[in-house]
N, C-alpha and C. Protein backbone atom coordinates (compact mmCIF):
# COMPACT_ATOMS: atom_id res chain seq x y z
N MET A 1 37.34 -22.64 -2.57
CA MET A 1 36.03 -22.70 -2.24
C MET A 1 35.16 -23.69 -2.54
N LYS A 2 34.31 -23.65 -1.47
CA LYS A 2 32.76 -25.37 -2.19
C LYS A 2 32.28 -24.72 -3.16
N LYS A 3 32.22 -25.60 -3.84
CA LYS A 3 30.91 -25.41 -4.95
C LYS A 3 29.34 -25.33 -3.83
N ILE A 4 29.10 -23.98 -4.85
CA ILE A 4 27.51 -23.64 -4.09
C ILE A 4 26.60 -24.60 -5.04
N ILE A 5 24.95 -25.11 -4.59
CA ILE A 5 24.03 -25.78 -5.25
C ILE A 5 23.05 -25.01 -4.79
N LEU A 6 22.37 -24.84 -5.92
CA LEU A 6 20.67 -24.19 -5.27
C LEU A 6 20.16 -25.42 -5.25
N ALA A 7 19.62 -26.17 -4.92
CA ALA A 7 18.30 -27.43 -4.97
C ALA A 7 17.20 -26.65 -5.14
N SER A 8 17.03 -26.59 -6.74
CA SER A 8 15.78 -25.91 -7.35
C SER A 8 15.87 -25.66 -8.99
N LYS A 9 14.76 -25.89 -9.49
CA LYS A 9 14.93 -25.26 -10.79
C LYS A 9 14.00 -24.69 -10.98
N SER A 10 13.56 -23.34 -10.06
CA SER A 10 12.95 -22.27 -10.14
C SER A 10 14.45 -21.06 -10.85
N PRO A 11 12.97 -20.65 -11.81
CA PRO A 11 14.15 -19.41 -12.36
C PRO A 11 13.87 -18.30 -11.62
N ARG A 12 13.55 -18.10 -11.14
CA ARG A 12 13.07 -17.20 -9.63
C ARG A 12 14.00 -16.89 -9.02
N ARG A 13 14.42 -18.02 -8.96
CA ARG A 13 15.42 -18.41 -7.33
C ARG A 13 17.11 -18.22 -7.85
N LYS A 14 17.11 -18.85 -8.94
CA LYS A 14 18.17 -18.45 -10.14
C LYS A 14 18.12 -17.41 -10.18
N GLU A 15 17.42 -16.58 -10.40
CA GLU A 15 18.08 -14.81 -10.77
C GLU A 15 17.83 -14.54 -9.44
N LEU A 16 17.22 -14.52 -8.58
CA LEU A 16 17.51 -13.93 -6.63
C LEU A 16 18.87 -13.97 -6.70
N LEU A 17 19.52 -15.99 -6.70
CA LEU A 17 20.61 -16.13 -5.85
C LEU A 17 22.02 -15.33 -6.94
N GLU A 18 21.60 -15.52 -7.95
CA GLU A 18 22.84 -14.68 -9.26
C GLU A 18 22.80 -12.70 -8.13
N LYS A 19 21.96 -12.18 -7.74
CA LYS A 19 22.33 -11.15 -6.97
C LYS A 19 22.74 -11.40 -6.29
N CYS A 20 23.29 -12.24 -5.40
CA CYS A 20 24.51 -12.21 -4.81
C CYS A 20 25.63 -12.50 -4.86
N GLY A 21 26.08 -12.50 -6.45
CA GLY A 21 27.73 -12.44 -6.96
C GLY A 21 28.13 -13.38 -6.87
N ILE A 22 27.41 -14.90 -6.58
CA ILE A 22 28.06 -16.25 -6.26
C ILE A 22 28.13 -17.17 -7.28
N GLU A 23 29.24 -17.74 -7.05
CA GLU A 23 28.65 -18.73 -8.76
C GLU A 23 28.30 -20.18 -7.85
N PHE A 24 27.09 -20.70 -9.03
CA PHE A 24 26.36 -21.69 -8.13
C PHE A 24 26.10 -22.56 -9.47
N GLU A 25 25.61 -23.50 -9.17
CA GLU A 25 24.83 -24.30 -10.00
C GLU A 25 23.39 -24.89 -9.19
N CYS A 26 22.46 -24.80 -10.54
CA CYS A 26 21.00 -25.62 -10.17
C CYS A 26 21.31 -27.12 -10.01
N MET A 27 20.71 -27.81 -9.43
CA MET A 27 20.07 -29.00 -9.34
C MET A 27 18.84 -29.11 -8.79
N PRO A 28 18.32 -29.31 -9.36
CA PRO A 28 16.45 -29.90 -8.25
C PRO A 28 16.43 -30.90 -8.16
N MET A 29 15.85 -31.07 -6.74
CA MET A 29 15.75 -32.49 -6.16
C MET A 29 14.46 -33.07 -6.22
N ASN A 30 13.82 -34.01 -6.71
CA ASN A 30 12.69 -34.80 -6.67
C ASN A 30 12.44 -35.30 -4.78
N ILE A 31 11.44 -35.13 -4.26
CA ILE A 31 11.56 -35.40 -2.99
C ILE A 31 10.01 -35.61 -2.23
N ASP A 32 10.43 -36.27 -1.57
CA ASP A 32 8.74 -36.39 -0.70
C ASP A 32 8.25 -35.40 -0.02
N GLU A 33 7.11 -35.44 -0.49
CA GLU A 33 6.52 -33.62 0.12
C GLU A 33 5.00 -33.92 0.91
N SER A 34 5.61 -34.96 1.43
CA SER A 34 4.42 -35.50 2.40
C SER A 34 4.38 -34.82 3.61
N LEU A 35 3.68 -34.59 4.57
CA LEU A 35 4.20 -33.85 5.95
C LEU A 35 3.89 -34.45 6.98
N ASN A 36 3.61 -33.84 7.77
CA ASN A 36 2.97 -34.33 9.28
C ASN A 36 1.61 -32.98 9.13
N GLU A 37 0.49 -34.16 9.33
CA GLU A 37 -0.85 -33.44 9.51
C GLU A 37 -0.74 -32.10 11.04
N GLY A 38 0.21 -32.52 12.10
CA GLY A 38 0.08 -31.55 12.81
C GLY A 38 1.44 -31.00 13.09
N ASP A 39 1.91 -30.27 11.83
CA ASP A 39 3.02 -29.49 12.12
C ASP A 39 2.21 -28.25 11.81
N THR A 40 3.41 -27.22 12.20
CA THR A 40 2.77 -25.97 11.69
C THR A 40 2.92 -25.05 10.36
N LEU A 41 2.62 -24.57 9.73
CA LEU A 41 2.49 -24.35 8.39
C LEU A 41 4.23 -23.81 8.45
N GLU A 42 4.44 -23.14 9.20
CA GLU A 42 5.93 -22.23 8.88
C GLU A 42 7.07 -23.79 9.12
N GLU A 43 6.78 -24.97 10.41
CA GLU A 43 7.43 -26.13 10.01
C GLU A 43 7.37 -26.87 9.16
N LYS A 44 6.23 -26.74 8.25
CA LYS A 44 6.10 -27.79 7.29
C LYS A 44 6.72 -27.66 6.27
N ILE A 45 6.49 -25.73 5.40
CA ILE A 45 7.68 -25.77 4.73
C ILE A 45 9.30 -25.41 5.00
N ARG A 46 9.40 -25.42 6.30
CA ARG A 46 11.43 -25.56 6.40
C ARG A 46 11.41 -26.72 6.57
N ILE A 47 10.82 -27.68 6.63
CA ILE A 47 10.79 -29.43 6.42
C ILE A 47 11.06 -29.64 5.27
N LEU A 48 9.89 -29.10 4.70
CA LEU A 48 10.44 -29.47 2.77
C LEU A 48 11.93 -28.55 2.24
N SER A 49 12.22 -27.39 2.64
CA SER A 49 13.70 -26.94 2.13
C SER A 49 14.54 -28.01 2.81
N GLN A 50 14.32 -27.99 3.85
CA GLN A 50 15.45 -28.85 4.59
C GLN A 50 15.34 -30.14 3.90
N ARG A 51 14.34 -31.14 3.50
CA ARG A 51 14.68 -31.90 2.22
C ARG A 51 15.50 -31.87 1.20
N LYS A 52 15.28 -30.55 0.86
CA LYS A 52 15.37 -30.61 -1.17
C LYS A 52 17.28 -30.33 -0.68
N ALA A 53 17.47 -29.82 0.04
CA ALA A 53 19.03 -29.21 0.17
C ALA A 53 19.49 -30.55 0.77
N SER A 54 18.90 -31.11 1.75
CA SER A 54 19.60 -32.39 2.25
C SER A 54 19.46 -33.73 1.33
N ALA A 55 18.64 -33.77 0.27
CA ALA A 55 18.83 -34.70 -0.80
C ALA A 55 19.95 -34.10 -1.47
N CYS A 56 20.48 -33.60 -1.58
CA CYS A 56 21.44 -32.92 -2.76
C CYS A 56 22.46 -33.06 -2.12
N LEU A 57 22.55 -32.57 -1.06
CA LEU A 57 24.10 -32.73 0.68
C LEU A 57 24.24 -34.09 -0.26
N ALA A 58 23.32 -34.79 -0.13
CA ALA A 58 23.90 -36.10 -0.67
C ALA A 58 24.47 -36.51 -1.34
N ALA A 59 24.37 -36.07 -2.74
CA ALA A 59 24.79 -36.46 -3.86
C ALA A 59 25.91 -35.53 -4.39
N TYR A 60 25.86 -34.27 -3.49
CA TYR A 60 27.06 -33.62 -3.44
C TYR A 60 27.71 -33.41 -2.20
N PRO A 61 28.56 -34.37 -1.53
CA PRO A 61 28.91 -34.06 0.13
C PRO A 61 29.99 -32.87 -0.04
N ASP A 62 30.26 -32.66 -0.69
CA ASP A 62 31.41 -31.19 -0.42
C ASP A 62 31.01 -30.18 -1.15
N ALA A 63 29.99 -29.92 -1.33
CA ALA A 63 29.05 -28.76 -1.62
C ALA A 63 28.27 -28.01 -0.42
N VAL A 64 27.98 -26.60 -0.75
CA VAL A 64 27.18 -26.21 0.23
C VAL A 64 26.31 -26.04 -0.19
N VAL A 65 25.30 -26.36 -0.32
CA VAL A 65 23.40 -26.57 -0.70
C VAL A 65 22.77 -25.49 -0.30
N ILE A 66 21.63 -25.08 -0.99
CA ILE A 66 20.80 -24.32 -0.60
C ILE A 66 18.95 -24.85 -1.31
N GLY A 67 18.36 -25.18 0.00
CA GLY A 67 16.61 -25.52 -0.64
C GLY A 67 16.36 -24.21 -0.07
N SER A 68 15.00 -24.16 -1.10
CA SER A 68 13.96 -23.24 -0.26
C SER A 68 12.87 -23.97 -0.94
N ASP A 69 11.56 -22.99 0.37
CA ASP A 69 10.26 -23.63 -0.65
C ASP A 69 10.03 -22.38 -0.26
N THR A 70 8.06 -22.36 -0.98
CA THR A 70 7.28 -21.16 -0.75
C THR A 70 6.48 -21.68 -1.03
N ILE A 71 4.94 -21.50 -0.24
CA ILE A 71 3.65 -21.71 0.16
C ILE A 71 3.16 -20.32 0.39
N VAL A 72 1.72 -19.91 -0.38
CA VAL A 72 1.00 -19.10 0.01
C VAL A 72 -0.49 -19.71 0.45
N THR A 73 -0.90 -19.15 1.52
CA THR A 73 -1.65 -19.45 2.52
C THR A 73 -3.06 -17.77 2.62
N VAL A 74 -3.98 -18.34 2.87
CA VAL A 74 -5.55 -17.61 3.08
C VAL A 74 -6.32 -18.40 4.29
N ASP A 75 -6.08 -17.99 5.28
CA ASP A 75 -7.29 -18.65 6.12
C ASP A 75 -6.38 -20.02 6.19
N GLU A 76 -4.86 -20.09 6.35
CA GLU A 76 -4.26 -20.87 6.88
C GLU A 76 -4.49 -22.02 5.66
N LYS A 77 -5.25 -22.31 4.58
CA LYS A 77 -5.66 -23.08 3.71
C LYS A 77 -4.19 -23.06 2.26
N ILE A 78 -3.43 -24.12 2.35
CA ILE A 78 -2.41 -23.69 0.92
C ILE A 78 -2.82 -23.61 -0.54
N LEU A 79 -2.66 -22.36 -0.76
CA LEU A 79 -2.67 -22.45 -2.44
C LEU A 79 -1.56 -22.75 -3.09
N GLY A 80 -1.47 -23.73 -3.61
CA GLY A 80 0.10 -24.39 -4.16
C GLY A 80 -0.17 -23.90 -5.91
N LYS A 81 0.60 -24.44 -6.56
CA LYS A 81 0.26 -24.22 -7.84
C LYS A 81 -0.65 -24.84 -8.58
N PRO A 82 -1.34 -23.86 -9.59
CA PRO A 82 -2.58 -24.42 -9.79
C PRO A 82 -2.43 -25.47 -10.65
N LYS A 83 -3.52 -26.47 -11.14
CA LYS A 83 -3.43 -27.37 -11.82
C LYS A 83 -3.66 -26.86 -13.19
N ASN A 84 -4.76 -26.05 -13.04
CA ASN A 84 -5.13 -25.36 -14.65
C ASN A 84 -5.52 -24.18 -14.47
N ARG A 85 -5.99 -23.68 -15.85
CA ARG A 85 -6.47 -22.20 -15.53
C ARG A 85 -7.89 -21.74 -14.48
N GLU A 86 -8.51 -22.69 -14.57
CA GLU A 86 -9.82 -22.78 -14.02
C GLU A 86 -9.08 -22.62 -12.28
N GLU A 87 -8.87 -23.58 -12.05
CA GLU A 87 -8.07 -23.45 -10.91
C GLU A 87 -7.54 -22.54 -10.03
N ALA A 88 -6.75 -21.98 -11.10
CA ALA A 88 -6.07 -20.17 -10.57
C ALA A 88 -6.29 -19.09 -10.57
N LYS A 89 -7.97 -19.19 -11.54
CA LYS A 89 -8.98 -18.01 -11.39
C LYS A 89 -9.68 -18.54 -9.80
N GLU A 90 -9.71 -19.78 -9.02
CA GLU A 90 -10.36 -19.68 -8.40
C GLU A 90 -9.38 -19.35 -6.95
N MET A 91 -8.31 -19.44 -7.34
CA MET A 91 -7.20 -18.75 -6.02
C MET A 91 -7.33 -17.09 -6.16
N LEU A 92 -7.18 -17.17 -7.29
CA LEU A 92 -7.50 -15.29 -7.74
C LEU A 92 -8.56 -14.73 -6.67
N ARG A 93 -9.29 -15.23 -7.20
CA ARG A 93 -10.93 -15.06 -5.87
C ARG A 93 -10.57 -15.00 -4.71
N GLU A 94 -9.89 -15.84 -4.18
CA GLU A 94 -9.54 -16.07 -2.54
C GLU A 94 -8.81 -15.40 -1.75
N LEU A 95 -7.96 -14.40 -3.19
CA LEU A 95 -6.85 -13.42 -2.99
C LEU A 95 -7.84 -12.31 -2.90
N SER A 96 -8.66 -12.22 -3.69
CA SER A 96 -9.28 -10.62 -4.02
C SER A 96 -9.56 -9.87 -3.07
N GLY A 97 -9.17 -8.85 -2.72
CA GLY A 97 -9.30 -8.14 -1.75
C GLY A 97 -9.29 -8.39 0.31
N ARG A 98 -8.26 -9.25 -0.14
CA ARG A 98 -7.72 -9.93 1.01
C ARG A 98 -6.25 -10.00 1.43
N THR A 99 -5.68 -10.45 2.69
CA THR A 99 -4.73 -10.38 2.92
C THR A 99 -4.09 -11.61 3.08
N HIS A 100 -2.91 -12.33 2.83
CA HIS A 100 -2.60 -13.39 3.10
C HIS A 100 -1.71 -13.88 3.00
N ARG A 101 -0.70 -15.08 3.54
CA ARG A 101 0.73 -14.92 3.84
C ARG A 101 1.56 -15.57 3.11
N VAL A 102 2.61 -15.37 3.05
CA VAL A 102 3.39 -15.86 2.19
C VAL A 102 4.65 -16.69 2.87
N ILE A 103 5.01 -17.84 2.55
CA ILE A 103 5.46 -18.38 3.83
C ILE A 103 6.73 -19.03 3.44
N THR A 104 8.54 -18.76 2.92
CA THR A 104 9.38 -19.04 2.42
C THR A 104 10.56 -19.90 3.33
N GLY A 105 10.96 -21.07 3.32
CA GLY A 105 11.14 -21.91 4.25
C GLY A 105 12.73 -21.59 3.39
N LEU A 106 13.75 -22.01 4.33
CA LEU A 106 15.47 -21.81 3.61
C LEU A 106 16.21 -22.57 4.59
N CYS A 107 16.94 -23.71 3.95
CA CYS A 107 18.07 -24.50 4.40
C CYS A 107 19.11 -24.06 3.65
N ILE A 108 20.73 -24.01 4.06
CA ILE A 108 21.98 -23.74 3.93
C ILE A 108 22.52 -24.94 4.36
N ILE A 109 22.95 -25.95 3.67
CA ILE A 109 23.65 -27.43 4.28
C ILE A 109 25.07 -27.38 3.90
N SER A 110 25.66 -27.95 4.99
CA SER A 110 27.12 -28.20 4.33
C SER A 110 27.62 -29.43 4.87
N SER A 111 28.28 -29.89 5.01
CA SER A 111 29.00 -31.09 5.70
C SER A 111 29.42 -30.88 7.12
N ALA A 112 29.44 -29.75 7.53
CA ALA A 112 29.88 -29.00 8.69
C ALA A 112 28.78 -28.12 9.81
N ARG A 113 27.96 -28.01 8.41
CA ARG A 113 26.44 -26.72 9.02
C ARG A 113 25.19 -27.20 8.78
N THR A 114 24.05 -26.66 9.55
CA THR A 114 22.83 -26.42 8.55
C THR A 114 22.14 -25.64 9.01
N TYR A 115 21.96 -24.68 8.42
CA TYR A 115 21.16 -23.93 9.00
C TYR A 115 19.70 -23.51 8.02
N THR A 116 18.73 -22.76 9.03
CA THR A 116 17.64 -23.17 8.67
C THR A 116 16.70 -22.05 9.35
N ASP A 117 15.88 -21.49 8.39
CA ASP A 117 14.93 -19.98 8.65
C ASP A 117 14.07 -20.78 8.04
N VAL A 118 12.73 -19.88 8.81
CA VAL A 118 11.31 -19.25 7.61
C VAL A 118 11.17 -17.59 7.82
N SER A 119 10.62 -17.66 6.48
CA SER A 119 10.57 -15.65 6.28
C SER A 119 8.77 -15.84 5.92
N VAL A 120 7.83 -15.15 7.07
CA VAL A 120 6.47 -15.20 6.92
C VAL A 120 6.62 -13.91 6.47
N SER A 121 5.50 -13.17 5.58
CA SER A 121 4.93 -12.08 4.68
C SER A 121 3.83 -12.41 4.61
N GLU A 122 3.67 -10.88 4.65
CA GLU A 122 1.93 -10.53 4.14
C GLU A 122 1.69 -9.75 2.68
N VAL A 123 0.62 -10.07 2.30
CA VAL A 123 0.25 -9.68 1.00
C VAL A 123 -0.94 -9.49 0.69
N THR A 124 -1.47 -7.85 0.79
CA THR A 124 -2.67 -7.61 0.48
C THR A 124 -3.14 -7.50 -1.00
N PHE A 125 -4.07 -7.81 -1.16
CA PHE A 125 -4.57 -7.65 -3.18
C PHE A 125 -5.97 -6.48 -2.75
N ALA A 126 -5.51 -5.95 -3.91
CA ALA A 126 -6.82 -5.18 -4.14
C ALA A 126 -8.01 -6.34 -4.82
N PRO A 127 -9.06 -5.89 -4.55
CA PRO A 127 -10.67 -6.30 -5.14
C PRO A 127 -10.13 -6.79 -6.51
N LEU A 128 -10.40 -7.64 -7.26
CA LEU A 128 -10.11 -8.59 -8.11
C LEU A 128 -11.69 -8.67 -9.30
N SER A 129 -11.62 -7.73 -10.21
CA SER A 129 -12.92 -8.10 -10.81
C SER A 129 -12.88 -9.78 -11.60
N GLU A 130 -13.98 -10.02 -12.29
CA GLU A 130 -14.04 -11.18 -13.15
C GLU A 130 -12.97 -11.07 -14.50
N GLU A 131 -12.85 -9.84 -14.78
CA GLU A 131 -12.19 -9.44 -15.90
C GLU A 131 -10.68 -9.77 -16.00
N GLU A 132 -10.41 -8.50 -14.79
CA GLU A 132 -8.99 -8.49 -14.09
C GLU A 132 -8.47 -9.77 -14.08
N ILE A 133 -8.94 -10.94 -13.33
CA ILE A 133 -9.11 -12.08 -13.52
C ILE A 133 -8.44 -13.03 -14.38
N ASP A 134 -9.54 -12.61 -15.46
CA ASP A 134 -9.59 -14.00 -16.93
C ASP A 134 -8.29 -13.37 -17.60
N ALA A 135 -8.23 -11.91 -17.41
CA ALA A 135 -6.68 -11.19 -18.07
C ALA A 135 -5.46 -12.12 -17.53
N TYR A 136 -6.08 -11.75 -16.63
CA TYR A 136 -4.27 -12.49 -15.79
C TYR A 136 -4.16 -13.65 -16.07
N THR A 137 -5.06 -14.58 -15.66
CA THR A 137 -4.49 -15.93 -16.05
C THR A 137 -4.60 -16.43 -17.60
N GLU A 138 -4.91 -15.46 -18.45
CA GLU A 138 -4.70 -15.72 -20.12
C GLU A 138 -3.53 -15.35 -20.38
N SER A 139 -2.77 -14.55 -19.65
CA SER A 139 -1.23 -13.92 -19.81
C SER A 139 -0.43 -15.13 -19.36
N GLY A 140 -0.80 -16.55 -18.94
CA GLY A 140 0.04 -16.96 -18.52
C GLY A 140 0.84 -17.19 -17.16
N GLU A 141 0.94 -16.04 -16.37
CA GLU A 141 1.88 -15.59 -15.90
C GLU A 141 1.68 -16.61 -14.32
N CYS A 142 0.20 -16.92 -14.20
CA CYS A 142 -0.30 -17.65 -12.82
C CYS A 142 0.32 -19.27 -12.86
N ASP A 143 0.67 -19.76 -14.46
CA ASP A 143 0.96 -21.21 -14.21
C ASP A 143 2.27 -21.07 -13.47
N ASP A 144 1.42 -22.41 -12.82
CA ASP A 144 3.48 -23.06 -12.37
C ASP A 144 3.48 -21.70 -10.87
N LYS A 145 3.04 -20.87 -10.66
CA LYS A 145 3.84 -20.48 -9.30
C LYS A 145 1.99 -20.79 -8.25
N ALA A 146 3.39 -20.47 -6.99
CA ALA A 146 2.49 -20.65 -5.66
C ALA A 146 1.15 -19.62 -5.62
N GLY A 147 -0.01 -19.92 -5.26
CA GLY A 147 -1.26 -18.91 -5.20
C GLY A 147 -1.48 -18.16 -6.53
N SER A 148 -0.54 -18.66 -7.87
CA SER A 148 -1.41 -18.06 -8.57
C SER A 148 -1.29 -17.11 -9.74
N TYR A 149 0.03 -16.48 -8.31
CA TYR A 149 0.37 -14.75 -9.06
C TYR A 149 2.03 -14.65 -9.03
N ALA A 150 2.59 -13.75 -9.70
CA ALA A 150 3.87 -13.46 -9.41
C ALA A 150 4.20 -11.98 -8.85
N ILE A 151 4.63 -11.52 -7.83
CA ILE A 151 4.55 -10.70 -7.49
C ILE A 151 5.99 -9.54 -8.32
N GLN A 152 6.40 -10.16 -8.73
CA GLN A 152 7.35 -9.14 -9.68
C GLN A 152 7.22 -9.37 -11.02
N GLY A 153 5.97 -9.83 -11.51
CA GLY A 153 5.50 -9.67 -12.77
C GLY A 153 4.11 -8.77 -13.07
N LEU A 154 3.27 -9.18 -13.27
CA LEU A 154 1.98 -8.77 -13.91
C LEU A 154 0.80 -8.74 -13.21
N GLY A 155 1.12 -10.08 -12.04
CA GLY A 155 0.43 -9.84 -10.82
C GLY A 155 0.65 -8.67 -9.82
N GLY A 156 1.93 -8.03 -9.65
CA GLY A 156 2.25 -6.88 -8.94
C GLY A 156 1.34 -5.79 -9.03
N LYS A 157 0.64 -6.05 -9.64
CA LYS A 157 -0.39 -4.91 -10.11
C LYS A 157 -1.58 -4.79 -9.03
N PHE A 158 -2.01 -5.85 -8.56
CA PHE A 158 -2.99 -6.18 -7.95
C PHE A 158 -2.34 -6.15 -6.20
N ILE A 159 -1.23 -5.67 -5.97
CA ILE A 159 -1.08 -5.72 -4.67
C ILE A 159 -0.66 -4.56 -3.85
N THR A 160 -1.59 -3.99 -2.58
CA THR A 160 -1.80 -2.63 -2.22
C THR A 160 -0.92 -2.82 -1.39
N HIS A 161 -0.37 -3.85 -0.33
CA HIS A 161 0.47 -3.80 0.34
C HIS A 161 1.02 -5.33 0.79
N ILE A 162 2.24 -4.77 1.03
CA ILE A 162 3.56 -5.84 1.34
C ILE A 162 3.69 -5.83 2.90
N SER A 163 3.83 -6.20 3.82
CA SER A 163 4.44 -6.67 4.91
C SER A 163 5.62 -8.01 5.07
N GLY A 164 6.85 -7.39 4.63
CA GLY A 164 8.01 -8.82 5.07
C GLY A 164 9.07 -8.58 3.72
N ASP A 165 9.23 -9.58 3.51
CA ASP A 165 10.34 -9.61 2.82
C ASP A 165 10.14 -9.74 1.29
N TYR A 166 10.05 -9.03 0.43
CA TYR A 166 9.52 -8.78 -0.85
C TYR A 166 10.87 -10.47 -1.53
N TYR A 167 11.34 -10.34 -1.43
CA TYR A 167 12.14 -11.32 -2.03
C TYR A 167 11.82 -12.69 -1.91
N ALA A 168 11.52 -12.70 0.30
CA ALA A 168 10.94 -14.31 0.26
C ALA A 168 9.41 -14.55 -0.69
N ILE A 169 9.03 -13.49 -0.64
CA ILE A 169 7.67 -13.31 -1.88
C ILE A 169 8.56 -14.27 -2.85
N MET A 170 9.09 -13.64 -3.35
CA MET A 170 9.45 -13.95 -4.79
C MET A 170 9.53 -15.62 -4.63
N GLY A 171 10.68 -15.80 -3.45
CA GLY A 171 11.13 -17.31 -3.85
C GLY A 171 12.00 -17.65 -3.07
N LEU A 172 12.85 -16.55 -2.38
CA LEU A 172 14.32 -16.75 -1.92
C LEU A 172 14.66 -16.07 -0.67
N PRO A 173 14.45 -16.06 0.74
CA PRO A 173 14.79 -14.77 1.44
C PRO A 173 16.44 -14.27 1.18
N LEU A 174 16.71 -13.16 0.34
CA LEU A 174 17.85 -12.77 -0.31
C LEU A 174 18.84 -12.68 0.96
N ASN A 175 18.69 -12.15 1.73
CA ASN A 175 19.39 -11.45 2.98
C ASN A 175 19.85 -12.34 3.45
N LEU A 176 18.82 -13.16 4.27
CA LEU A 176 19.12 -14.52 4.94
C LEU A 176 20.23 -15.44 4.19
N VAL A 177 20.20 -15.54 2.90
CA VAL A 177 21.21 -16.51 2.07
C VAL A 177 22.33 -15.32 2.43
N TYR A 178 22.11 -14.43 1.92
CA TYR A 178 23.41 -13.48 1.97
C TYR A 178 24.29 -13.46 3.31
N GLU A 179 23.76 -13.48 4.37
CA GLU A 179 24.05 -13.28 5.50
C GLU A 179 24.85 -14.75 5.85
N GLU A 180 24.06 -15.90 5.88
CA GLU A 180 24.75 -17.14 6.35
C GLU A 180 25.80 -17.20 5.05
N LEU A 181 25.58 -16.98 3.42
CA LEU A 181 27.19 -17.54 3.36
C LEU A 181 27.97 -16.94 3.66
N LYS A 182 28.30 -15.23 4.39
CA LYS A 182 28.90 -14.68 4.65
C LYS A 182 29.35 -15.22 6.05
N ASN A 183 28.59 -16.25 6.76
CA ASN A 183 29.29 -16.87 8.07
C ASN A 183 30.02 -17.96 8.11
N ILE A 184 29.90 -18.91 6.36
CA ILE A 184 30.71 -20.02 6.22
C ILE A 184 31.84 -19.45 5.21
N ASP A 185 32.16 -18.23 5.33
CA ASP A 185 33.26 -17.81 4.90
C ASP A 185 33.39 -17.34 3.30
N LEU A 186 32.21 -17.74 2.43
CA LEU A 186 31.83 -17.59 1.22
C LEU A 186 32.81 -16.16 0.80
N TYR A 187 32.63 -15.32 1.58
CA TYR A 187 32.40 -13.51 0.53
C TYR A 187 33.92 -13.51 1.27
């Protein structure tokens, strides 16, 4: 059986891939994250996922590599990982009482095959008070999270509705990964 590599350092992606019941290794890749301005957000995130997976495949050509990337957007504005707690608070204010999109790109690549896909989900937040925003940012959960929240953690209490793939919102569209791994005879 081919070695499977997750081209990520994300503990959430690692945790999700473990749910597929396969053995894999994590090998995070540093890639160029600059993108073409003319591309759609979906295309940008697909390209980033493919860059991660391709960079890892170059280092491990006999492996099957999984690359994924996630962005949170509101009004087509990308809310990345906050640089500090003040920026996290600003993002949470933008999400408060609104619906935003979470776009997760996926690339599964080997020497014989390349599969890419994009999962787009919508998440609606309840209106948040300044006290709720302060308490949440003080918890530290917002650190290193696109959009400054984790759906699977304390941030879940703010969510009134989701439309789409819960696991893709966490960072890895689990069913897409599972189905594609079946297509390359790993199961």
